[in-house]
């Protein structure tokens, strides 16, 4: 019973986190910026799982050949 309660709490927490992140991004970006960011994300998400792995980020950044951005991604992933 406790495991089921923990699972339902976890799912509720994830839904709340998603809702908060969605609200924040909708307030900070315009519709066109959101559309552009989504397009970039989908392009980087090579396997289509909805998450960006370190490898997918590296592959995308290697196309730009920007060492500062690559170092920044490494720092974020740590």
N, C-alpha and C. Protein backbone atom coordinates (compact mmCIF):
# COMPACT_ATOMS: atom_id res chain seq x y z
N UNK A 1 0.82 -1.19 0.00
CA UNK A 1 0.00 0.00 0.00
C UNK A 1 0.87 1.26 0.00
N UNK A 2 1.93 1.25 0.79
CA UNK A 2 2.82 2.42 0.86
C UNK A 2 3.49 2.66 -0.50
N UNK A 3 3.86 1.57 -1.18
CA UNK A 3 4.49 1.71 -2.50
C UNK A 3 3.55 2.38 -3.49
N UNK A 4 2.27 2.03 -3.45
CA UNK A 4 1.30 2.65 -4.35
C UNK A 4 1.13 4.13 -4.03
N UNK A 5 1.12 4.47 -2.75
CA UNK A 5 1.02 5.88 -2.36
C UNK A 5 2.24 6.65 -2.84
N UNK A 6 3.41 6.06 -2.69
CA UNK A 6 4.64 6.71 -3.16
C UNK A 6 4.60 6.92 -4.66
N UNK A 7 4.12 5.91 -5.38
CA UNK A 7 4.04 6.01 -6.83
C UNK A 7 3.07 7.11 -7.26
N UNK A 8 1.91 7.18 -6.63
CA UNK A 8 0.94 8.21 -7.01
C UNK A 8 1.45 9.60 -6.66
N UNK A 9 2.16 9.73 -5.54
CA UNK A 9 2.75 11.01 -5.16
C UNK A 9 3.81 11.41 -6.17
N UNK A 10 4.64 10.44 -6.58
CA UNK A 10 5.68 10.71 -7.56
C UNK A 10 5.07 11.20 -8.86
N UNK A 11 4.02 10.53 -9.32
CA UNK A 11 3.37 10.94 -10.57
C UNK A 11 2.75 12.32 -10.44
N UNK A 12 2.16 12.62 -9.30
CA UNK A 12 1.58 13.94 -9.08
C UNK A 12 2.66 15.01 -9.07
N UNK A 13 3.79 14.69 -8.43
CA UNK A 13 4.91 15.63 -8.40
C UNK A 13 5.41 15.91 -9.81
N UNK A 14 5.51 14.86 -10.64
CA UNK A 14 5.98 15.04 -12.01
C UNK A 14 5.00 15.90 -12.81
N UNK A 15 3.71 15.67 -12.62
CA UNK A 15 2.72 16.47 -13.33
C UNK A 15 2.79 17.93 -12.91
N UNK A 16 2.95 18.17 -11.62
CA UNK A 16 3.08 19.53 -11.12
C UNK A 16 4.34 20.18 -11.68
N UNK A 17 5.45 19.45 -11.67
CA UNK A 17 6.70 19.98 -12.21
C UNK A 17 6.53 20.34 -13.69
N UNK A 18 5.90 19.46 -14.45
CA UNK A 18 5.67 19.72 -15.86
C UNK A 18 4.80 20.96 -16.05
N UNK A 19 3.74 21.07 -15.25
CA UNK A 19 2.84 22.22 -15.37
C UNK A 19 3.56 23.52 -15.04
N UNK A 20 4.37 23.51 -13.99
CA UNK A 20 5.12 24.72 -13.61
C UNK A 20 6.12 25.10 -14.70
N UNK A 21 6.85 24.12 -15.21
CA UNK A 21 7.82 24.41 -16.28
C UNK A 21 7.12 24.94 -17.52
N UNK A 22 5.99 24.36 -17.85
CA UNK A 22 5.23 24.82 -19.01
C UNK A 22 4.77 26.27 -18.81
N UNK A 23 4.28 26.58 -17.62
CA UNK A 23 3.84 27.94 -17.32
C UNK A 23 5.00 28.93 -17.43
N UNK A 24 6.13 28.58 -16.83
CA UNK A 24 7.29 29.48 -16.85
C UNK A 24 7.73 29.74 -18.27
N UNK A 25 7.87 28.68 -19.06
CA UNK A 25 8.34 28.89 -20.44
C UNK A 25 7.33 29.68 -21.26
N UNK A 26 6.04 29.48 -20.99
CA UNK A 26 5.04 30.23 -21.75
C UNK A 26 5.09 31.72 -21.40
N UNK A 27 5.53 32.05 -20.20
CA UNK A 27 5.63 33.45 -19.79
C UNK A 27 6.91 34.12 -20.28
N UNK A 28 7.95 33.32 -20.50
CA UNK A 28 9.26 33.88 -20.84
C UNK A 28 9.55 33.93 -22.33
N UNK A 29 8.77 33.22 -23.12
CA UNK A 29 9.05 33.18 -24.55
C UNK A 29 7.79 33.53 -25.35
N UNK A 30 8.02 34.06 -26.53
CA UNK A 30 6.90 34.34 -27.42
C UNK A 30 6.51 33.03 -28.13
N UNK A 31 5.40 33.07 -28.81
CA UNK A 31 4.93 31.89 -29.54
C UNK A 31 5.94 31.46 -30.60
N UNK A 32 6.49 32.42 -31.31
CA UNK A 32 7.45 32.07 -32.35
C UNK A 32 8.75 31.52 -31.76
N UNK A 33 9.19 32.07 -30.62
CA UNK A 33 10.38 31.54 -29.96
C UNK A 33 10.14 30.11 -29.48
N UNK A 34 8.97 29.87 -28.91
CA UNK A 34 8.63 28.52 -28.45
C UNK A 34 8.61 27.55 -29.62
N UNK A 35 8.03 27.95 -30.73
CA UNK A 35 7.99 27.11 -31.93
C UNK A 35 9.40 26.82 -32.44
N UNK A 36 10.26 27.83 -32.44
CA UNK A 36 11.64 27.65 -32.89
C UNK A 36 12.41 26.72 -31.96
N UNK A 37 12.23 26.91 -30.64
CA UNK A 37 12.92 26.06 -29.67
C UNK A 37 12.46 24.61 -29.79
N UNK A 38 11.17 24.42 -30.02
CA UNK A 38 10.65 23.06 -30.18
C UNK A 38 11.25 22.41 -31.43
N UNK A 39 11.36 23.17 -32.50
CA UNK A 39 11.94 22.63 -33.73
C UNK A 39 13.40 22.22 -33.52
N UNK A 40 14.16 23.04 -32.81
CA UNK A 40 15.55 22.72 -32.52
C UNK A 40 15.63 21.47 -31.64
N UNK A 41 14.78 21.41 -30.62
CA UNK A 41 14.77 20.24 -29.74
C UNK A 41 14.47 18.98 -30.53
N UNK A 42 13.45 19.01 -31.37
CA UNK A 42 13.09 17.83 -32.15
C UNK A 42 14.21 17.42 -33.10
N UNK A 43 14.92 18.40 -33.62
CA UNK A 43 16.04 18.10 -34.50
C UNK A 43 17.18 17.44 -33.73
N UNK A 44 17.42 17.88 -32.50
CA UNK A 44 18.49 17.31 -31.68
C UNK A 44 18.13 15.93 -31.13
N UNK A 45 16.85 15.69 -30.89
CA UNK A 45 16.38 14.44 -30.30
C UNK A 45 16.39 13.33 -31.36
N UNK A 46 17.58 12.81 -31.62
CA UNK A 46 17.79 11.87 -32.72
C UNK A 46 16.95 10.59 -32.57
N UNK A 47 16.81 10.08 -31.37
CA UNK A 47 16.08 8.82 -31.20
C UNK A 47 14.60 9.03 -30.90
N UNK A 48 14.16 10.28 -30.80
CA UNK A 48 12.75 10.58 -30.64
C UNK A 48 12.14 10.20 -29.31
N UNK A 49 12.97 10.10 -28.25
CA UNK A 49 12.44 9.68 -26.94
C UNK A 49 11.95 10.85 -26.09
N UNK A 50 12.06 12.08 -26.59
CA UNK A 50 11.60 13.24 -25.83
C UNK A 50 12.60 13.75 -24.82
N UNK A 51 13.80 13.18 -24.82
CA UNK A 51 14.87 13.60 -23.92
C UNK A 51 16.13 13.77 -24.73
N UNK A 52 16.97 14.73 -24.29
CA UNK A 52 18.25 14.93 -24.96
C UNK A 52 19.35 14.30 -24.13
N UNK A 53 20.06 13.39 -24.74
CA UNK A 53 21.19 12.76 -24.06
C UNK A 53 22.43 13.62 -24.30
N UNK A 54 23.45 13.33 -23.54
CA UNK A 54 24.74 14.02 -23.72
C UNK A 54 25.22 13.84 -25.17
N UNK A 55 25.07 12.63 -25.68
CA UNK A 55 25.53 12.35 -27.05
C UNK A 55 24.75 13.16 -28.08
N UNK A 56 23.43 13.26 -27.89
CA UNK A 56 22.62 14.04 -28.83
C UNK A 56 23.00 15.52 -28.78
N UNK A 57 23.27 16.03 -27.58
CA UNK A 57 23.71 17.42 -27.46
C UNK A 57 25.06 17.64 -28.12
N UNK A 58 25.99 16.71 -27.88
CA UNK A 58 27.31 16.82 -28.51
C UNK A 58 27.19 16.79 -30.03
N UNK A 59 26.38 15.88 -30.54
CA UNK A 59 26.22 15.78 -31.99
C UNK A 59 25.68 17.09 -32.56
N UNK A 60 24.68 17.66 -31.90
CA UNK A 60 24.12 18.92 -32.36
C UNK A 60 25.11 20.06 -32.28
N UNK A 61 25.88 20.09 -31.19
CA UNK A 61 26.85 21.17 -31.03
C UNK A 61 28.06 21.00 -31.94
N UNK A 62 28.39 19.78 -32.28
CA UNK A 62 29.50 19.55 -33.20
C UNK A 62 29.22 20.18 -34.55
N UNK A 63 27.94 20.28 -34.90
CA UNK A 63 27.58 20.92 -36.16
C UNK A 63 27.89 22.41 -36.13
N UNK A 64 27.87 23.02 -34.93
CA UNK A 64 28.14 24.45 -34.83
C UNK A 64 29.63 24.74 -34.69
N UNK A 65 30.40 23.73 -34.27
CA UNK A 65 31.84 23.89 -34.07
C UNK A 65 32.17 25.00 -33.08
N UNK A 66 31.34 25.14 -32.04
CA UNK A 66 31.55 26.18 -31.05
C UNK A 66 32.03 25.54 -29.75
N UNK A 67 33.31 25.66 -29.46
CA UNK A 67 33.89 24.99 -28.29
C UNK A 67 33.34 25.56 -26.98
N UNK A 68 32.98 26.84 -26.94
CA UNK A 68 32.41 27.43 -25.73
C UNK A 68 31.07 26.78 -25.39
N UNK A 69 30.25 26.55 -26.40
CA UNK A 69 28.96 25.91 -26.17
C UNK A 69 29.14 24.47 -25.72
N UNK A 70 30.09 23.77 -26.30
CA UNK A 70 30.35 22.38 -25.90
C UNK A 70 30.79 22.33 -24.46
N UNK A 71 31.66 23.24 -24.03
CA UNK A 71 32.11 23.30 -22.64
C UNK A 71 30.94 23.63 -21.71
N UNK A 72 30.05 24.52 -22.15
CA UNK A 72 28.89 24.87 -21.35
C UNK A 72 27.98 23.66 -21.15
N UNK A 73 27.75 22.89 -22.20
CA UNK A 73 26.91 21.69 -22.10
C UNK A 73 27.53 20.69 -21.15
N UNK A 74 28.84 20.51 -21.21
CA UNK A 74 29.54 19.60 -20.30
C UNK A 74 29.32 20.04 -18.85
N UNK A 75 29.39 21.32 -18.61
CA UNK A 75 29.20 21.85 -17.25
C UNK A 75 27.77 21.62 -16.78
N UNK A 76 26.82 21.85 -17.65
CA UNK A 76 25.41 21.65 -17.30
C UNK A 76 25.14 20.18 -17.00
N UNK A 77 25.70 19.29 -17.80
CA UNK A 77 25.45 17.85 -17.62
C UNK A 77 26.07 17.31 -16.35
N UNK A 78 27.12 17.97 -15.87
CA UNK A 78 27.73 17.53 -14.60
C UNK A 78 26.79 17.80 -13.47
